Amino acid sequence: MGRKRINDLLEQLKENQQKELENAAAIFTVAQVAVNELERQIVQETPDLKTPLPALPAAPSLTEKDELLKLYGSYNGCRRAAKERGIKLKGSPTWKQLAAAFSYAEALKLIAKSYIDSYPNSDIKGMTIEIKID
């Protein structure tokens, strides 16, 4: 192969590389526009989860056994009230566990209500959602 032919091939190779770079840049630009549009749509459709939480009840105190007795009359009355509120407890929980369960159930109810009020959805009407805490 002559020198002129080699120079022509090198020149054609450079032109091809330049066209490949231009094509890659064009593809990147189109892809970036698509990604930006998807991100914009996601931001518009995603609820703002930084909405402040409602004021929550205080953690159970050591005197709540007395308060639970005043409210429900007995240990079994307290267990019945827990069951009516959807609180499921294994075995025979202690008074501290019962007090904590009532407190957490109330806090979770307030959080759920706040979320539902902020992001209403008619598809959840009449629905019961059970949360299992291990």
C-alpha atoms as a PDB file:
ATOM      1  CA  MET A   1       0.000   0.000   0.000  1.00  0.00           C
ATOM      2  CA  GLY A   2       1.249   3.390  -0.867  1.00  0.00           C
ATOM      3  CA  ARG A   3       1.716   6.317   1.430  1.00  0.00           C
ATOM      4  CA  LYS A   4      -1.182   8.237  -0.161  1.00  0.00           C
ATOM      5  CA  ARG A   5      -3.556   5.307   0.359  1.00  0.00           C
ATOM      6  CA  ILE A   6      -2.526   4.988   4.017  1.00  0.00           C
ATOM      7  CA  ASN A   7      -3.029   8.733   4.564  1.00  0.00           C
ATOM      8  CA  ASP A   8      -6.473   8.534   2.903  1.00  0.00           C
ATOM      9  CA  LEU A   9      -7.466   5.616   5.173  1.00  0.00           C
ATOM     10  CA  LEU A  10      -6.217   7.462   8.274  1.00  0.00           C
ATOM     11  CA  GLU A  11      -8.152  10.560   7.234  1.00  0.00           C
ATOM     12  CA  GLN A  12     -11.309   8.465   6.699  1.00  0.00           C
ATOM     13  CA  LEU A  13     -10.766   6.821  10.105  1.00  0.00           C
ATOM     14  CA  LYS A  14     -10.550  10.258  11.752  1.00  0.00           C
ATOM     15  CA  GLU A  15     -13.749  11.363   9.992  1.00  0.00           C
ATOM     16  CA  ASN A  16     -15.534   8.186  11.125  1.00  0.00           C
ATOM     17  CA  GLN A  17     -14.382   8.729  14.710  1.00  0.00           C
ATOM     18  CA  GLN A  18     -15.622  12.336  14.599  1.00  0.00           C
ATOM     19  CA  LYS A  19     -19.019  11.203  13.270  1.00  0.00           C
ATOM     20  CA  GLU A  20     -19.231   8.543  16.009  1.00  0.00           C
ATOM     21  CA  LEU A  21     -18.520  11.204  18.650  1.00  0.00           C
ATOM     22  CA  GLU A  22     -21.210  13.469  17.167  1.00  0.00           C
ATOM     23  CA  ASN A  23     -23.694  10.584  17.078  1.00  0.00           C
ATOM     24  CA  ALA A  24     -22.865   9.617  20.668  1.00  0.00           C
ATOM     25  CA  ALA A  25     -23.338  13.231  21.759  1.00  0.00           C
ATOM     26  CA  ALA A  26     -26.703  13.381  20.009  1.00  0.00           C
ATOM     27  CA  ILE A  27     -27.805  10.103  21.620  1.00  0.00           C
ATOM     28  CA  PHE A  28     -26.628  11.333  25.023  1.00  0.00           C
ATOM     29  CA  THR A  29     -28.551  14.589  24.594  1.00  0.00           C
ATOM     30  CA  VAL A  30     -31.774  12.768  23.684  1.00  0.00           C
ATOM     31  CA  ALA A  31     -31.328  10.344  26.594  1.00  0.00           C
ATOM     32  CA  GLN A  32     -30.642  13.199  29.041  1.00  0.00           C
ATOM     33  CA  VAL A  33     -33.765  15.048  27.914  1.00  0.00           C
ATOM     34  CA  ALA A  34     -35.795  11.852  28.433  1.00  0.00           C
ATOM     35  CA  VAL A  35     -34.301  11.300  31.902  1.00  0.00           C
ATOM     36  CA  ASN A  36     -34.993  14.908  32.876  1.00  0.00           C
ATOM     37  CA  GLU A  37     -38.603  14.592  31.713  1.00  0.00           C
ATOM     38  CA  LEU A  38     -39.091  11.352  33.670  1.00  0.00           C
ATOM     39  CA  GLU A  39     -37.618  12.933  36.806  1.00  0.00           C
ATOM     40  CA  ARG A  40     -39.941  15.914  36.401  1.00  0.00           C
ATOM     41  CA  GLN A  41     -42.955  13.603  36.076  1.00  0.00           C
ATOM     42  CA  ILE A  42     -41.891  11.542  39.096  1.00  0.00           C
ATOM     43  CA  VAL A  43     -41.471  14.660  41.227  1.00  0.00           C
ATOM     44  CA  GLN A  44     -44.934  15.865  40.199  1.00  0.00           C
ATOM     45  CA  GLU A  45     -46.574  12.501  40.947  1.00  0.00           C
ATOM     46  CA  THR A  46     -44.737  11.654  44.178  1.00  0.00           C
ATOM     47  CA  PRO A  47     -46.285  13.044  47.353  1.00  0.00           C
ATOM     48  CA  ASP A  48     -44.061  15.138  49.583  1.00  0.00           C
ATOM     49  CA  LEU A  49     -43.224  12.729  52.387  1.00  0.00           C
ATOM     50  CA  LYS A  50     -41.668  15.549  54.400  1.00  0.00           C
ATOM     51  CA  THR A  51     -45.085  16.677  55.580  1.00  0.00           C
ATOM     52  CA  PRO A  52     -44.829  17.314  59.310  1.00  0.00           C
ATOM     53  CA  LEU A  53     -46.270  14.622  61.541  1.00  0.00           C
ATOM     54  CA  PRO A  54     -49.116  15.431  63.891  1.00  0.00           C
ATOM     55  CA  ALA A  55     -48.410  15.874  67.583  1.00  0.00           C
ATOM     56  CA  LEU A  56     -48.056  12.388  69.020  1.00  0.00           C
ATOM     57  CA  PRO A  57     -49.003  11.160  72.457  1.00  0.00           C
ATOM     58  CA  ALA A  58     -46.196  10.794  74.940  1.00  0.00           C
ATOM     59  CA  ALA A  59     -44.488   7.458  75.456  1.00  0.00           C
ATOM     60  CA  PRO A  60     -46.075   5.326  78.162  1.00  0.00           C
ATOM     61  CA  SER A  61     -45.257   6.363  81.698  1.00  0.00           C
ATOM     62  CA  LEU A  62     -44.813   4.144  84.737  1.00  0.00           C
ATOM     63  CA  THR A  63     -48.185   5.232  86.158  1.00  0.00           C
ATOM     64  CA  GLU A  64     -50.192   4.084  83.160  1.00  0.00           C
ATOM     65  CA  LYS A  65     -51.158   0.838  84.885  1.00  0.00           C
ATOM     66  CA  ASP A  66     -53.296   2.929  87.233  1.00  0.00           C
ATOM     67  CA  GLU A  67     -54.671   4.925  84.321  1.00  0.00           C
ATOM     68  CA  LEU A  68     -55.541   1.758  82.405  1.00  0.00           C
ATOM     69  CA  LEU A  69     -57.245   0.307  85.491  1.00  0.00           C
ATOM     70  CA  LYS A  70     -59.295   3.508  85.870  1.00  0.00           C
ATOM     71  CA  LEU A  71     -60.316   3.389  82.202  1.00  0.00           C
ATOM     72  CA  TYR A  72     -61.011  -0.319  81.800  1.00  0.00           C
ATOM     73  CA  GLY A  73     -61.561  -1.611  85.352  1.00  0.00           C
ATOM     74  CA  SER A  74     -59.371  -4.699  85.201  1.00  0.00           C
ATOM     75  CA  TYR A  75     -56.650  -6.490  83.330  1.00  0.00           C
ATOM     76  CA  ASN A  76     -59.241  -8.423  81.312  1.00  0.00           C
ATOM     77  CA  GLY A  77     -61.165  -5.220  80.603  1.00  0.00           C
ATOM     78  CA  CYS A  78     -57.954  -3.686  79.337  1.00  0.00           C
ATOM     79  CA  ARG A  79     -57.344  -6.726  77.092  1.00  0.00           C
ATOM     80  CA  ARG A  80     -60.896  -6.438  75.693  1.00  0.00           C
ATOM     81  CA  ALA A  81     -60.383  -2.730  74.959  1.00  0.00           C
ATOM     82  CA  ALA A  82     -57.112  -3.532  73.214  1.00  0.00           C
ATOM     83  CA  LYS A  83     -58.830  -6.173  71.102  1.00  0.00           C
ATOM     84  CA  GLU A  84     -61.603  -3.713  70.166  1.00  0.00           C
ATOM     85  CA  ARG A  85     -58.951  -1.286  68.935  1.00  0.00           C
ATOM     86  CA  GLY A  86     -57.324  -3.978  66.805  1.00  0.00           C
ATOM     87  CA  ILE A  87     -54.378  -4.495  69.132  1.00  0.00           C
ATOM     88  CA  LYS A  88     -53.332  -8.138  69.089  1.00  0.00           C
ATOM     89  CA  LEU A  89     -51.043  -9.315  71.867  1.00  0.00           C
ATOM     90  CA  LYS A  90     -49.473 -12.731  72.295  1.00  0.00           C
ATOM     91  CA  GLY A  91     -49.755 -14.528  75.598  1.00  0.00           C
ATOM     92  CA  SER A  92     -50.303 -12.479  78.718  1.00  0.00           C
ATOM     93  CA  PRO A  93     -48.731  -9.063  78.233  1.00  0.00           C
ATOM     94  CA  THR A  94     -47.477  -7.055  81.165  1.00  0.00           C
ATOM     95  CA  TRP A  95     -49.082  -3.768  82.154  1.00  0.00           C
ATOM     96  CA  LYS A  96     -46.106  -1.966  80.626  1.00  0.00           C
ATOM     97  CA  GLN A  97     -46.669  -3.819  77.351  1.00  0.00           C
ATOM     98  CA  LEU A  98     -50.369  -2.985  77.400  1.00  0.00           C
ATOM     99  CA  ALA A  99     -49.657   0.680  78.092  1.00  0.00           C
ATOM    100  CA  ALA A 100     -47.078   0.772  75.297  1.00  0.00           C
ATOM    101  CA  ALA A 101     -49.494  -0.957  72.902  1.00  0.00           C
ATOM    102  CA  PHE A 102     -52.246   1.612  73.569  1.00  0.00           C
ATOM    103  CA  SER A 103     -49.792   4.485  73.217  1.00  0.00           C
ATOM    104  CA  TYR A 104     -48.286   3.223  69.975  1.00  0.00           C
ATOM    105  CA  ALA A 105     -51.684   2.339  68.523  1.00  0.00           C
ATOM    106  CA  GLU A 106     -52.874   5.885  69.167  1.00  0.00           C
ATOM    107  CA  ALA A 107     -49.702   7.409  67.672  1.00  0.00           C
ATOM    108  CA  LEU A 108     -49.905   5.218  64.568  1.00  0.00           C
ATOM    109  CA  LYS A 109     -53.579   6.096  64.163  1.00  0.00           C
ATOM    110  CA  LEU A 110     -52.731   9.821  64.249  1.00  0.00           C
ATOM    111  CA  ILE A 111     -49.910   9.365  61.726  1.00  0.00           C
ATOM    112  CA  ALA A 112     -52.162   7.371  59.395  1.00  0.00           C
ATOM    113  CA  LYS A 113     -54.964   9.939  59.683  1.00  0.00           C
ATOM    114  CA  SER A 114     -52.559  12.777  58.919  1.00  0.00           C
ATOM    115  CA  TYR A 115     -51.233  10.931  55.864  1.00  0.00           C
ATOM    116  CA  ILE A 116     -54.719  10.073  54.624  1.00  0.00           C
ATOM    117  CA  ASP A 117     -55.842  13.680  55.101  1.00  0.00           C
ATOM    118  CA  SER A 118     -52.780  14.937  53.198  1.00  0.00           C
ATOM    119  CA  TYR A 119     -53.046  12.399  50.368  1.00  0.00           C
ATOM    120  CA  PRO A 120     -56.683  11.296  50.111  1.00  0.00           C
ATOM    121  CA  ASN A 121     -57.547   8.276  47.991  1.00  0.00           C
ATOM    122  CA  SER A 122     -61.125   7.059  47.685  1.00  0.00           C
ATOM    123  CA  ASP A 123     -59.911   3.519  46.941  1.00  0.00           C
ATOM    124  CA  ILE A 124     -59.070   2.902  50.620  1.00  0.00           C
ATOM    125  CA  LYS A 125     -62.568   3.565  51.988  1.00  0.00           C
ATOM    126  CA  GLY A 126     -63.629   0.758  54.327  1.00  0.00           C
ATOM    127  CA  MET A 127     -60.158  -0.766  54.312  1.00  0.00           C
ATOM    128  CA  THR A 128     -58.443  -2.099  57.419  1.00  0.00           C
ATOM    129  CA  ILE A 129     -54.662  -2.107  57.473  1.00  0.00           C
ATOM    130  CA  GLU A 130     -52.924  -4.217  60.080  1.00  0.00           C
ATOM    131  CA  ILE A 131     -49.358  -3.366  61.108  1.00  0.00           C
ATOM    132  CA  LYS A 132     -47.281  -6.121  62.650  1.00  0.00           C
ATOM    133  CA  ILE A 133     -44.529  -5.047  65.013  1.00  0.00           C
ATOM    134  CA  ASP A 134     -41.994  -7.760  65.764  1.00  0.00           C
END
